[in-house]
Amino acid sequence: GLKPFWHKAGGTRHGHNAAGSGQTRRNSIMSASPKAIAGMATRVVSALGRSFPAYMCGPVGAPGIIVLQEWWGVTTQVQLQAQRISSQGYRCLVPDLYKGKLGVDVEEASHMMGNLDFPAAVGEILAATAVLKQEGSKKCGITGFCMGGALSLAASVKADGGELCCAAPFYGIPDQRFFDCSNIKIPVQAHFGTLDSLAGFSDPAAAENLKAI
C-alpha cells in the first residue's frame, strides 16, 4: 500500500532556484542544456516505439531504478542522486523528459513543466523500464523528486503490465483526474516534508489524502 514517510523539510521546492538560494535567478539566456557529470553515460535509448535521451550509470544487468528529474530538468543534483543509488548496486536510468533543456529560473522551470505532456512522459518512463530490462535488469523500481515524485506515482498508476515493482517518490502527487493513485498495485514508500506548503501537491494534507487512498 501507500506508506508516507515524514521529513522536516521538503527538499528543493517550487520557488527556489537550482542553487537553492530561494530567490528567482535571472539570466539573459532563458534556457540551458544539461551536461553529464563524470561517470554518467548519455545516449538516446529506444523501446516500445519511443526514443529519448537518457543518462545512465551503475552495473549493467543489476536491478534497475528509474530516477526522475525535478521541474528544473536533469540537473547535476539529479545525476548525483542517480549515482548515489547506483553505488548501492543498482542500474540507474534518468530519462531527459525536457529533451536537452534546463530551467534557469522559476519562471522558465514552471513554463517547461506546464508544457510537459504528462501522459507522453509517463509513456517514456515505462519505455525506460523496458530499456533496463533489455539490458538484463530483472526488476525495475522508480523514484523522483517534486515533479519527478508526481511522475513516479503517475507511472505507477499506468504500470499494469509488470513494468515496475515498487516506487519511492520524494513528494509530489499527480492530478487524480488522469492518474488515480487508488489504481496503484505496487508497493509505494512516499516521502513528504512536514513544512511543505504547496497545497494539493506536496503539503501534509495532500500526503494524508494520498495515505487514505
Protein backbone atom coordinates (compact mmCIF):
# COMPACT_ATOMS: atom_id res chain seq x y z
CA GLY A 1 0.00 0.00 0.00
CA LEU A 2 0.90 3.69 0.07
CA LYS A 3 3.13 4.48 3.02
CA PRO A 4 4.09 8.15 3.50
CA PHE A 5 7.24 9.00 5.44
CA TRP A 6 7.54 12.44 7.01
CA HIS A 7 10.60 14.70 6.91
CA LYS A 8 11.03 18.14 8.43
CA ALA A 9 11.83 19.78 5.12
CA GLY A 10 10.58 19.18 1.62
CA GLY A 11 13.82 19.34 -0.41
CA THR A 12 14.18 21.58 -3.46
CA ARG A 13 10.91 23.44 -3.65
CA HIS A 14 8.98 25.35 -6.24
CA GLY A 15 10.10 28.95 -5.87
CA HIS A 16 13.72 28.00 -5.21
CA ASN A 17 16.33 28.22 -7.90
CA ALA A 18 18.71 25.46 -8.85
CA ALA A 19 21.33 26.82 -6.45
CA GLY A 20 18.86 26.70 -3.55
CA SER A 21 19.03 30.40 -2.71
CA GLY A 22 15.26 30.78 -2.59
CA GLN A 23 15.35 33.71 -5.00
CA THR A 24 14.48 33.74 -8.68
CA ARG A 25 17.64 33.73 -10.77
CA ARG A 26 17.54 35.82 -13.95
CA ASN A 27 19.66 35.11 -16.97
CA SER A 28 19.84 36.68 -20.39
CA ILE A 29 19.58 33.15 -21.81
CA MET A 30 16.24 31.74 -20.66
CA SER A 31 17.26 28.11 -21.07
CA ALA A 32 20.35 25.97 -20.68
CA SER A 33 21.42 22.46 -21.59
CA PRO A 34 22.16 19.69 -19.10
CA LYS A 35 25.70 18.33 -19.02
CA ALA A 36 26.63 14.82 -18.00
CA ILE A 37 28.80 14.62 -14.90
CA ALA A 38 31.74 12.23 -14.63
CA GLY A 39 30.60 8.64 -14.51
CA MET A 40 27.31 9.21 -16.34
CA ALA A 41 26.79 7.71 -19.79
CA THR A 42 24.49 9.59 -22.17
CA ARG A 43 22.72 8.12 -25.15
CA VAL A 44 19.43 8.02 -26.98
CA VAL A 45 17.51 4.93 -25.90
CA SER A 46 14.62 3.25 -27.69
CA ALA A 47 11.90 0.87 -26.54
CA LEU A 48 8.16 0.34 -27.02
CA GLY A 49 8.20 2.58 -30.07
CA ARG A 50 9.68 5.56 -28.21
CA SER A 51 13.13 7.17 -28.39
CA PHE A 52 14.51 9.74 -25.97
CA PRO A 53 17.80 10.91 -24.43
CA ALA A 54 18.85 9.33 -21.16
CA TYR A 55 21.60 9.40 -18.55
CA MET A 56 22.75 6.02 -17.22
CA CYS A 57 25.04 4.68 -14.52
CA GLY A 58 25.62 1.57 -12.45
CA PRO A 59 26.33 -2.06 -13.33
CA VAL A 60 24.51 -3.34 -16.43
CA GLY A 61 22.05 -6.09 -15.57
CA ALA A 62 21.69 -5.08 -11.92
CA PRO A 63 18.19 -4.32 -10.56
CA GLY A 64 17.01 -1.15 -12.31
CA ILE A 65 15.91 2.19 -10.92
CA ILE A 66 14.31 4.96 -12.96
CA VAL A 67 15.34 8.33 -11.44
CA LEU A 68 13.12 11.26 -12.40
CA GLN A 69 14.04 14.94 -12.57
CA GLU A 70 12.57 17.91 -10.74
CA TRP A 71 10.96 20.69 -12.76
CA TRP A 72 14.42 22.17 -13.49
CA GLY A 73 15.40 19.27 -15.76
CA VAL A 74 18.26 16.78 -15.47
CA THR A 75 20.47 18.81 -13.18
CA THR A 76 23.80 17.86 -11.65
CA GLN A 77 21.95 17.15 -8.40
CA VAL A 78 19.62 14.66 -10.04
CA GLN A 79 22.58 12.91 -11.67
CA LEU A 80 24.37 12.77 -8.32
CA GLN A 81 21.30 11.17 -6.76
CA ALA A 82 21.31 8.54 -9.51
CA GLN A 83 24.99 7.84 -8.90
CA ARG A 84 24.41 7.55 -5.17
CA ILE A 85 21.68 4.98 -5.79
CA SER A 86 23.78 3.10 -8.32
CA SER A 87 26.63 2.86 -5.80
CA GLN A 88 24.38 0.55 -3.79
CA GLY A 89 24.33 -1.97 -6.65
CA TYR A 90 21.61 -0.66 -8.98
CA ARG A 91 21.48 0.23 -12.68
CA CYS A 92 20.00 3.73 -12.93
CA LEU A 93 18.40 5.45 -15.90
CA VAL A 94 17.44 9.14 -15.87
CA PRO A 95 15.18 9.94 -18.83
CA ASP A 96 15.61 13.52 -20.07
CA LEU A 97 11.96 14.49 -20.23
CA TYR A 98 12.80 18.04 -21.39
CA LYS A 99 14.94 16.77 -24.30
CA GLY A 100 18.11 18.72 -23.60
CA LYS A 101 16.78 21.78 -21.76
CA LEU A 102 17.23 23.12 -18.24
CA GLY A 103 15.24 25.82 -16.47
CA VAL A 104 17.44 28.68 -15.30
CA ASP A 105 14.85 30.33 -13.06
CA VAL A 106 11.46 29.67 -11.54
CA GLU A 107 9.53 31.21 -14.43
CA GLU A 108 11.32 29.11 -17.03
CA ALA A 109 11.08 25.90 -14.99
CA SER A 110 7.37 26.47 -14.42
CA HIS A 111 6.89 27.09 -18.14
CA MET A 112 8.67 23.86 -19.08
CA MET A 113 6.77 21.78 -16.55
CA GLY A 114 3.48 23.34 -17.67
CA ASN A 115 4.26 22.43 -21.28
CA LEU A 116 5.27 18.86 -20.46
CA ASP A 117 2.86 16.28 -21.86
CA PHE A 118 2.46 14.13 -18.74
CA PRO A 119 0.83 11.12 -20.47
CA ALA A 120 3.63 11.13 -23.07
CA ALA A 121 6.23 11.48 -20.29
CA VAL A 122 4.73 8.50 -18.49
CA GLY A 123 4.96 6.55 -21.74
CA GLU A 124 8.67 7.36 -21.96
CA ILE A 125 9.17 6.40 -18.32
CA LEU A 126 7.59 3.00 -18.88
CA ALA A 127 9.69 2.61 -22.04
CA ALA A 128 12.75 3.35 -19.88
CA THR A 129 11.92 0.31 -17.76
CA ALA A 130 11.92 -1.77 -20.96
CA VAL A 131 15.37 -0.40 -21.83
CA LEU A 132 16.75 -1.57 -18.49
CA LYS A 133 15.13 -4.97 -18.84
CA GLN A 134 16.56 -5.33 -22.35
CA GLU A 135 19.99 -4.84 -20.74
CA GLY A 136 19.30 -7.63 -18.27
CA SER A 137 17.68 -5.98 -15.24
CA LYS A 138 15.13 -8.45 -13.90
CA LYS A 139 13.16 -5.88 -11.91
CA CYS A 140 12.78 -2.13 -12.01
CA GLY A 141 11.73 0.42 -9.38
CA ILE A 142 11.22 4.16 -9.64
CA THR A 143 11.96 7.31 -7.66
CA GLY A 144 11.79 11.02 -8.36
CA PHE A 145 11.78 14.44 -6.78
CA CYS A 146 8.99 17.03 -6.77
CA MET A 147 7.66 16.88 -10.36
CA GLY A 148 9.53 13.61 -10.62
CA GLY A 149 7.81 12.37 -7.49
CA ALA A 150 4.42 13.07 -9.05
CA LEU A 151 5.53 11.34 -12.25
CA SER A 152 6.74 8.34 -10.22
CA LEU A 153 3.20 7.90 -8.92
CA ALA A 154 1.67 8.60 -12.34
CA ALA A 155 3.86 5.90 -13.90
CA SER A 156 2.95 3.53 -11.08
CA VAL A 157 -0.73 4.05 -11.90
CA LYS A 158 -0.13 3.07 -15.53
CA ALA A 159 2.32 0.23 -14.82
CA ASP A 160 -0.26 -2.50 -15.11
CA GLY A 161 1.95 -4.82 -17.13
CA GLY A 162 4.62 -5.50 -14.53
CA GLU A 163 6.92 -2.70 -15.72
CA LEU A 164 7.59 -1.53 -12.16
CA CYS A 165 7.94 -3.48 -8.93
CA CYS A 166 8.00 -0.58 -6.45
CA ALA A 167 8.07 3.22 -6.14
CA ALA A 168 9.70 5.64 -3.68
CA PRO A 169 8.68 9.20 -4.68
CA PHE A 170 10.01 12.23 -2.83
CA TYR A 171 6.93 14.47 -2.62
CA GLY A 172 4.58 15.38 -5.45
CA ILE A 173 1.14 13.99 -6.33
CA PRO A 174 -0.22 13.79 -9.89
CA ASP A 175 -3.63 15.07 -10.96
CA GLN A 176 -6.02 12.37 -9.76
CA ARG A 177 -8.38 13.02 -12.67
CA PHE A 178 -5.81 11.50 -15.01
CA PHE A 179 -3.68 9.34 -12.69
CA ASP A 180 -5.86 7.80 -9.99
CA CYS A 181 -3.46 6.60 -7.31
CA SER A 182 -6.08 4.21 -5.97
CA ASN A 183 -5.24 2.06 -9.00
CA ILE A 184 -1.61 1.55 -7.98
CA LYS A 185 -0.88 -2.13 -7.43
CA ILE A 186 2.82 -2.00 -6.47
CA PRO A 187 4.35 -1.12 -3.07
CA VAL A 188 4.91 2.63 -2.59
CA GLN A 189 7.02 4.36 0.05
CA ALA A 190 6.25 8.07 -0.35
CA HIS A 191 8.30 10.81 1.32
CA PHE A 192 6.88 14.23 2.22
CA GLY A 193 8.03 17.26 4.23
CA THR A 194 6.11 18.43 7.29
CA LEU A 195 6.98 22.05 6.44
CA ASP A 196 5.96 21.82 2.79
CA SER A 197 3.33 24.43 1.94
CA LEU A 198 2.41 23.63 -1.69
CA ALA A 199 -1.26 22.85 -1.13
CA GLY A 200 -2.71 19.92 -3.02
CA PHE A 201 0.65 18.81 -4.41
CA SER A 202 3.07 18.08 -1.61
CA ASP A 203 1.81 19.62 1.64
CA PRO A 204 0.97 17.43 4.66
CA ALA A 205 -2.75 17.49 3.87
CA ALA A 206 -2.12 16.20 0.35
CA ALA A 207 0.12 13.48 1.77
CA GLU A 208 -2.59 12.45 4.23
CA ASN A 209 -5.09 12.25 1.39
CA LEU A 210 -2.67 10.03 -0.50
CA LYS A 211 -2.24 7.84 2.56
CA ALA A 212 -6.01 7.44 2.84
CA ILE A 213 -6.33 6.03 -0.68
